[in-house]
PDB file of N, CA and C in Angstrom:
ATOM      1  N   MET A   1       0.832  -1.189   0.011  1.00  0.00           N
ATOM      2  CA  MET A   1       0.009   0.004  -0.010  1.00  0.00           C
ATOM      3  C   MET A   1       0.883   1.255  -0.001  1.00  0.00           C
ATOM      4  N   ALA A   2       0.509   2.236  -0.742  1.00  0.00           N
ATOM      5  CA  ALA A   2       1.314   3.453  -0.882  1.00  0.00           C
ATOM      6  C   ALA A   2       1.180   4.350   0.352  1.00  0.00           C
ATOM      7  N   GLU A   3       2.298   4.919   0.771  1.00  0.00           N
ATOM      8  CA  GLU A   3       2.296   5.924   1.823  1.00  0.00           C
ATOM      9  C   GLU A   3       1.928   7.267   1.181  1.00  0.00           C
ATOM     10  N   GLU A   4       1.015   7.973   1.818  1.00  0.00           N
ATOM     11  CA  GLU A   4       0.679   9.314   1.328  1.00  0.00           C
ATOM     12  C   GLU A   4       1.439  10.343   2.124  1.00  0.00           C
ATOM     13  N   VAL A   5       2.094  11.249   1.431  1.00  0.00           N
ATOM     14  CA  VAL A   5       2.800  12.364   2.073  1.00  0.00           C
ATOM     15  C   VAL A   5       1.839  13.559   2.012  1.00  0.00           C
ATOM     16  N   ILE A   6       1.416  13.995   3.193  1.00  0.00           N
ATOM     17  CA  ILE A   6       0.377  15.026   3.323  1.00  0.00           C
ATOM     18  C   ILE A   6       0.980  16.321   3.893  1.00  0.00           C
ATOM     19  N   ALA A   7       0.546  17.464   3.364  1.00  0.00           N
ATOM     20  CA  ALA A   7       0.995  18.751   3.889  1.00  0.00           C
ATOM     21  C   ALA A   7       0.428  18.971   5.297  1.00  0.00           C
ATOM     22  N   GLU A   8       1.283  19.465   6.142  1.00  0.00           N
ATOM     23  CA  GLU A   8       0.869  19.739   7.522  1.00  0.00           C
ATOM     24  C   GLU A   8       0.529  21.211   7.742  1.00  0.00           C
ATOM     25  N   ILE A   9       0.937  22.068   6.785  1.00  0.00           N
ATOM     26  CA  ILE A   9       0.720  23.517   6.930  1.00  0.00           C
ATOM     27  C   ILE A   9       0.351  24.136   5.572  1.00  0.00           C
ATOM     28  N   VAL A  10      -0.138  25.342   5.612  1.00  0.00           N
ATOM     29  CA  VAL A  10      -0.333  26.118   4.388  1.00  0.00           C
ATOM     30  C   VAL A  10       1.048  26.645   3.976  1.00  0.00           C
ATOM     31  N   ALA A  11       1.407  26.434   2.713  1.00  0.00           N
ATOM     32  CA  ALA A  11       2.752  26.824   2.273  1.00  0.00           C
ATOM     33  C   ALA A  11       2.811  26.907   0.750  1.00  0.00           C
ATOM     34  N   SER A  12       3.896  27.507   0.260  1.00  0.00           N
ATOM     35  CA  SER A  12       4.182  27.535  -1.178  1.00  0.00           C
ATOM     36  C   SER A  12       5.268  26.510  -1.453  1.00  0.00           C
ATOM     37  N   VAL A  13       5.176  25.869  -2.609  1.00  0.00           N
ATOM     38  CA  VAL A  13       6.193  24.886  -3.015  1.00  0.00           C
ATOM     39  C   VAL A  13       7.370  25.628  -3.645  1.00  0.00           C
ATOM     40  N   LEU A  14       8.525  25.557  -3.007  1.00  0.00           N
ATOM     41  CA  LEU A  14       9.747  26.208  -3.524  1.00  0.00           C
ATOM     42  C   LEU A  14      10.487  25.301  -4.492  1.00  0.00           C
ATOM     43  N   GLU A  15      10.539  24.000  -4.172  1.00  0.00           N
ATOM     44  CA  GLU A  15      11.322  23.070  -5.000  1.00  0.00           C
ATOM     45  C   GLU A  15      10.739  21.675  -4.844  1.00  0.00           C
ATOM     46  N   VAL A  16      10.613  20.971  -5.950  1.00  0.00           N
ATOM     47  CA  VAL A  16      10.221  19.562  -5.965  1.00  0.00           C
ATOM     48  C   VAL A  16      11.515  18.790  -6.206  1.00  0.00           C
ATOM     49  N   ILE A  17      11.907  17.950  -5.252  1.00  0.00           N
ATOM     50  CA  ILE A  17      13.204  17.307  -5.302  1.00  0.00           C
ATOM     51  C   ILE A  17      13.170  15.905  -5.902  1.00  0.00           C
ATOM     52  N   VAL A  18      12.024  15.233  -5.803  1.00  0.00           N
ATOM     53  CA  VAL A  18      11.912  13.889  -6.319  1.00  0.00           C
ATOM     54  C   VAL A  18      11.053  13.833  -7.569  1.00  0.00           C
ATOM     55  N   ALA A  19      11.119  12.697  -8.268  1.00  0.00           N
ATOM     56  CA  ALA A  19      10.297  12.482  -9.481  1.00  0.00           C
ATOM     57  C   ALA A  19       9.706  11.076  -9.410  1.00  0.00           C
ATOM     58  N   PRO A  20       8.550  10.876 -10.050  1.00  0.00           N
ATOM     59  CA  PRO A  20       7.969   9.528 -10.070  1.00  0.00           C
ATOM     60  C   PRO A  20       8.965   8.502 -10.576  1.00  0.00           C
ATOM     61  N   GLY A  21       8.993   7.330  -9.896  1.00  0.00           N
ATOM     62  CA  GLY A  21       9.894   6.264 -10.262  1.00  0.00           C
ATOM     63  C   GLY A  21      11.240   6.315  -9.548  1.00  0.00           C
ATOM     64  N   GLN A  22      11.515   7.405  -8.851  1.00  0.00           N
ATOM     65  CA  GLN A  22      12.795   7.576  -8.149  1.00  0.00           C
ATOM     66  C   GLN A  22      12.774   6.787  -6.846  1.00  0.00           C
ATOM     67  N   SER A  23      13.863   6.082  -6.540  1.00  0.00           N
ATOM     68  CA  SER A  23      14.010   5.383  -5.273  1.00  0.00           C
ATOM     69  C   SER A  23      14.474   6.390  -4.215  1.00  0.00           C
ATOM     70  N   ILE A  24      13.861   6.303  -3.033  1.00  0.00           N
ATOM     71  CA  ILE A  24      14.227   7.200  -1.937  1.00  0.00           C
ATOM     72  C   ILE A  24      14.358   6.399  -0.645  1.00  0.00           C
ATOM     73  N   GLU A  25      15.074   6.965   0.288  1.00  0.00           N
ATOM     74  CA  GLU A  25      15.261   6.377   1.606  1.00  0.00           C
ATOM     75  C   GLU A  25      14.505   7.195   2.643  1.00  0.00           C
ATOM     76  N   ALA A  26      14.147   6.563   3.750  1.00  0.00           N
ATOM     77  CA  ALA A  26      13.521   7.298   4.848  1.00  0.00           C
ATOM     78  C   ALA A  26      14.423   8.460   5.245  1.00  0.00           C
ATOM     79  N   GLY A  27      13.843   9.637   5.395  1.00  0.00           N
ATOM     80  CA  GLY A  27      14.607  10.829   5.764  1.00  0.00           C
ATOM     81  C   GLY A  27      15.015  11.679   4.569  1.00  0.00           C
ATOM     82  N   ASP A  28      14.852  11.167   3.348  1.00  0.00           N
ATOM     83  CA  ASP A  28      15.163  11.983   2.156  1.00  0.00           C
ATOM     84  C   ASP A  28      14.132  13.114   2.021  1.00  0.00           C
ATOM     85  N   THR A  29      14.564  14.250   1.526  1.00  0.00           N
ATOM     86  CA  THR A  29      13.661  15.368   1.288  1.00  0.00           C
ATOM     87  C   THR A  29      12.890  15.132  -0.008  1.00  0.00           C
ATOM     88  N   ILE A  30      11.558  15.302   0.072  1.00  0.00           N
ATOM     89  CA  ILE A  30      10.670  15.124  -1.061  1.00  0.00           C
ATOM     90  C   ILE A  30      10.436  16.464  -1.752  1.00  0.00           C
ATOM     91  N   VAL A  31      10.029  17.459  -0.989  1.00  0.00           N
ATOM     92  CA  VAL A  31       9.823  18.836  -1.509  1.00  0.00           C
ATOM     93  C   VAL A  31      10.319  19.823  -0.464  1.00  0.00           C
ATOM     94  N   LEU A  32      10.555  21.029  -0.915  1.00  0.00           N
ATOM     95  CA  LEU A  32      10.925  22.112  -0.030  1.00  0.00           C
ATOM     96  C   LEU A  32       9.802  23.150  -0.106  1.00  0.00           C
ATOM     97  N   LEU A  33       9.235  23.462   1.072  1.00  0.00           N
ATOM     98  CA  LEU A  33       8.123  24.404   1.177  1.00  0.00           C
ATOM     99  C   LEU A  33       8.602  25.725   1.771  1.00  0.00           C
ATOM    100  N   GLU A  34       7.833  26.786   1.538  1.00  0.00           N
ATOM    101  CA  GLU A  34       8.092  28.084   2.165  1.00  0.00           C
ATOM    102  C   GLU A  34       6.819  28.566   2.826  1.00  0.00           C
ATOM    103  N   SER A  35       6.959  28.946   4.094  1.00  0.00           N
ATOM    104  CA  SER A  35       5.839  29.494   4.830  1.00  0.00           C
ATOM    105  C   SER A  35       6.360  30.516   5.821  1.00  0.00           C
ATOM    106  N   MET A  36       5.822  31.688   5.771  1.00  0.00           N
ATOM    107  CA  MET A  36       6.209  32.774   6.700  1.00  0.00           C
ATOM    108  C   MET A  36       7.722  33.025   6.663  1.00  0.00           C
ATOM    109  N   LYS A  37       8.283  33.042   5.411  1.00  0.00           N
ATOM    110  CA  LYS A  37       9.706  33.329   5.180  1.00  0.00           C
ATOM    111  C   LYS A  37      10.639  32.222   5.681  1.00  0.00           C
ATOM    112  N   MET A  38      10.090  31.055   6.011  1.00  0.00           N
ATOM    113  CA  MET A  38      10.895  29.911   6.466  1.00  0.00           C
ATOM    114  C   MET A  38      10.862  28.809   5.416  1.00  0.00           C
ATOM    115  N   GLU A  39      11.991  28.164   5.177  1.00  0.00           N
ATOM    116  CA  GLU A  39      12.047  27.011   4.285  1.00  0.00           C
ATOM    117  C   GLU A  39      11.859  25.744   5.121  1.00  0.00           C
ATOM    118  N   ILE A  40      10.917  24.903   4.669  1.00  0.00           N
ATOM    119  CA  ILE A  40      10.549  23.718   5.422  1.00  0.00           C
ATOM    120  C   ILE A  40      10.670  22.483   4.537  1.00  0.00           C
ATOM    121  N   PRO A  41      11.622  21.600   4.837  1.00  0.00           N
ATOM    122  CA  PRO A  41      11.725  20.390   4.042  1.00  0.00           C
ATOM    123  C   PRO A  41      10.659  19.381   4.460  1.00  0.00           C
ATOM    124  N   VAL A  42      10.057  18.688   3.483  1.00  0.00           N
ATOM    125  CA  VAL A  42       9.125  17.606   3.780  1.00  0.00           C
ATOM    126  C   VAL A  42       9.869  16.308   3.520  1.00  0.00           C
ATOM    127  N   LEU A  43      10.002  15.473   4.565  1.00  0.00           N
ATOM    128  CA  LEU A  43      10.855  14.289   4.507  1.00  0.00           C
ATOM    129  C   LEU A  43      10.014  13.014   4.318  1.00  0.00           C
ATOM    130  N   ALA A  44      10.589  12.037   3.659  1.00  0.00           N
ATOM    131  CA  ALA A  44       9.956  10.724   3.518  1.00  0.00           C
ATOM    132  C   ALA A  44      10.053   9.992   4.855  1.00  0.00           C
ATOM    133  N   GLU A  45       8.956   9.418   5.275  1.00  0.00           N
ATOM    134  CA  GLU A  45       8.966   8.643   6.516  1.00  0.00           C
ATOM    135  C   GLU A  45       9.375   7.203   6.285  1.00  0.00           C
ATOM    136  N   GLU A  46       9.239   6.733   5.029  1.00  0.00           N
ATOM    137  CA  GLU A  46       9.606   5.351   4.687  1.00  0.00           C
ATOM    138  C   GLU A  46      10.466   5.332   3.416  1.00  0.00           C
ATOM    139  N   SER A  47      11.262   4.276   3.272  1.00  0.00           N
ATOM    140  CA  SER A  47      11.966   4.068   2.017  1.00  0.00           C
ATOM    141  C   SER A  47      11.010   3.488   1.005  1.00  0.00           C
ATOM    142  N   GLY A  48      11.311   3.711  -0.282  1.00  0.00           N
ATOM    143  CA  GLY A  48      10.487   3.147  -1.342  1.00  0.00           C
ATOM    144  C   GLY A  48      10.730   3.835  -2.655  1.00  0.00           C
ATOM    145  N   THR A  49       9.732   3.759  -3.522  1.00  0.00           N
ATOM    146  CA  THR A  49       9.778   4.362  -4.824  1.00  0.00           C
ATOM    147  C   THR A  49       8.675   5.419  -4.913  1.00  0.00           C
ATOM    148  N   VAL A  50       9.014   6.587  -5.403  1.00  0.00           N
ATOM    149  CA  VAL A  50       8.041   7.662  -5.549  1.00  0.00           C
ATOM    150  C   VAL A  50       7.012   7.213  -6.575  1.00  0.00           C
ATOM    151  N   GLY A  51       5.731   7.241  -6.175  1.00  0.00           N
ATOM    152  CA  GLY A  51       4.655   6.859  -7.084  1.00  0.00           C
ATOM    153  C   GLY A  51       4.172   8.052  -7.883  1.00  0.00           C
ATOM    154  N   GLN A  52       3.619   9.025  -7.166  1.00  0.00           N
ATOM    155  CA  GLN A  52       3.087  10.228  -7.802  1.00  0.00           C
ATOM    156  C   GLN A  52       3.603  11.465  -7.073  1.00  0.00           C
ATOM    157  N   VAL A  53       3.811  12.526  -7.779  1.00  0.00           N
ATOM    158  CA  VAL A  53       4.093  13.832  -7.191  1.00  0.00           C
ATOM    159  C   VAL A  53       2.913  14.727  -7.604  1.00  0.00           C
ATOM    160  N   LYS A  54       2.194  15.244  -6.627  1.00  0.00           N
ATOM    161  CA  LYS A  54       0.947  15.967  -6.898  1.00  0.00           C
ATOM    162  C   LYS A  54       1.094  17.484  -6.821  1.00  0.00           C
ATOM    163  N   VAL A  55       2.305  17.989  -6.625  1.00  0.00           N
ATOM    164  CA  VAL A  55       2.543  19.431  -6.522  1.00  0.00           C
ATOM    165  C   VAL A  55       3.605  19.867  -7.501  1.00  0.00           C
ATOM    166  N   ALA A  56       3.639  21.168  -7.785  1.00  0.00           N
ATOM    167  CA  ALA A  56       4.643  21.749  -8.668  1.00  0.00           C
ATOM    168  C   ALA A  56       5.166  23.025  -8.030  1.00  0.00           C
ATOM    169  N   VAL A  57       6.327  23.442  -8.468  1.00  0.00           N
ATOM    170  CA  VAL A  57       6.916  24.694  -7.962  1.00  0.00           C
ATOM    171  C   VAL A  57       5.922  25.832  -8.187  1.00  0.00           C
ATOM    172  N   GLY A  58       5.721  26.623  -7.126  1.00  0.00           N
ATOM    173  CA  GLY A  58       4.811  27.756  -7.193  1.00  0.00           C
ATOM    174  C   GLY A  58       3.417  27.473  -6.669  1.00  0.00           C
ATOM    175  N   ASP A  59       3.083  26.180  -6.551  1.00  0.00           N
ATOM    176  CA  ASP A  59       1.769  25.833  -6.000  1.00  0.00           C
ATOM    177  C   ASP A  59       1.635  26.321  -4.557  1.00  0.00           C
ATOM    178  N   VAL A  60       0.443  26.739  -4.191  1.00  0.00           N
ATOM    179  CA  VAL A  60       0.132  27.029  -2.779  1.00  0.00           C
ATOM    180  C   VAL A  60      -0.721  25.871  -2.287  1.00  0.00           C
ATOM    181  N   ILE A  61      -0.213  25.205  -1.251  1.00  0.00           N
ATOM    182  CA  ILE A  61      -0.924  24.022  -0.747  1.00  0.00           C
ATOM    183  C   ILE A  61      -1.504  24.333   0.608  1.00  0.00           C
ATOM    184  N   GLN A  62      -2.552  23.587   0.939  1.00  0.00           N
ATOM    185  CA  GLN A  62      -3.248  23.732   2.217  1.00  0.00           C
ATOM    186  C   GLN A  62      -2.936  22.550   3.101  1.00  0.00           C
ATOM    187  N   ALA A  63      -3.084  22.704   4.392  1.00  0.00           N
ATOM    188  CA  ALA A  63      -2.927  21.590   5.319  1.00  0.00           C
ATOM    189  C   ALA A  63      -3.866  20.485   4.907  1.00  0.00           C
ATOM    190  N   GLY A  64      -3.328  19.268   4.801  1.00  0.00           N
ATOM    191  CA  GLY A  64      -4.141  18.127   4.399  1.00  0.00           C
ATOM    192  C   GLY A  64      -4.038  17.764   2.942  1.00  0.00           C
ATOM    193  N   ASP A  65      -3.456  18.635   2.101  1.00  0.00           N
ATOM    194  CA  ASP A  65      -3.283  18.367   0.679  1.00  0.00           C
ATOM    195  C   ASP A  65      -2.258  17.240   0.476  1.00  0.00           C
ATOM    196  N   LEU A  66      -2.493  16.419  -0.548  1.00  0.00           N
ATOM    197  CA  LEU A  66      -1.582  15.338  -0.902  1.00  0.00           C
ATOM    198  C   LEU A  66      -0.420  15.932  -1.659  1.00  0.00           C
ATOM    199  N   ILE A  67       0.795  15.626  -1.184  1.00  0.00           N
ATOM    200  CA  ILE A  67       2.038  16.103  -1.839  1.00  0.00           C
ATOM    201  C   ILE A  67       2.554  15.018  -2.785  1.00  0.00           C
ATOM    202  N   ALA A  68       2.642  13.797  -2.297  1.00  0.00           N
ATOM    203  CA  ALA A  68       3.194  12.704  -3.093  1.00  0.00           C
ATOM    204  C   ALA A  68       2.788  11.349  -2.483  1.00  0.00           C
ATOM    205  N   THR A  69       3.032  10.312  -3.258  1.00  0.00           N
ATOM    206  CA  THR A  69       2.837   8.948  -2.730  1.00  0.00           C
ATOM    207  C   THR A  69       4.163   8.209  -2.879  1.00  0.00           C
ATOM    208  N   ILE A  70       4.391   7.298  -1.936  1.00  0.00           N
ATOM    209  CA  ILE A  70       5.588   6.458  -1.954  1.00  0.00           C
ATOM    210  C   ILE A  70       5.131   5.007  -1.906  1.00  0.00           C
ATOM    211  N   ASP A  71       5.533   4.242  -2.897  1.00  0.00           N
ATOM    212  CA  ASP A  71       5.149   2.834  -2.995  1.00  0.00           C
ATOM    213  C   ASP A  71       6.169   1.983  -2.286  1.00  0.00           C
TER     214      ASP A  71
END
């Protein structure tokens, strides 16, 4: 079952670091967000393969939005 990476805060997407099909390890940065002039890395909680990336640079995301899935 795929792990869903969910936004915890309202933020802008500064950088998307992973791509679908990419292998990642637990602790790897998936995206870099910006909120209130702070850069916030979103980290993978599990190792696996990136399934989908649902955000793009410049997107404004809300708490609860799906960022990516990890298979």
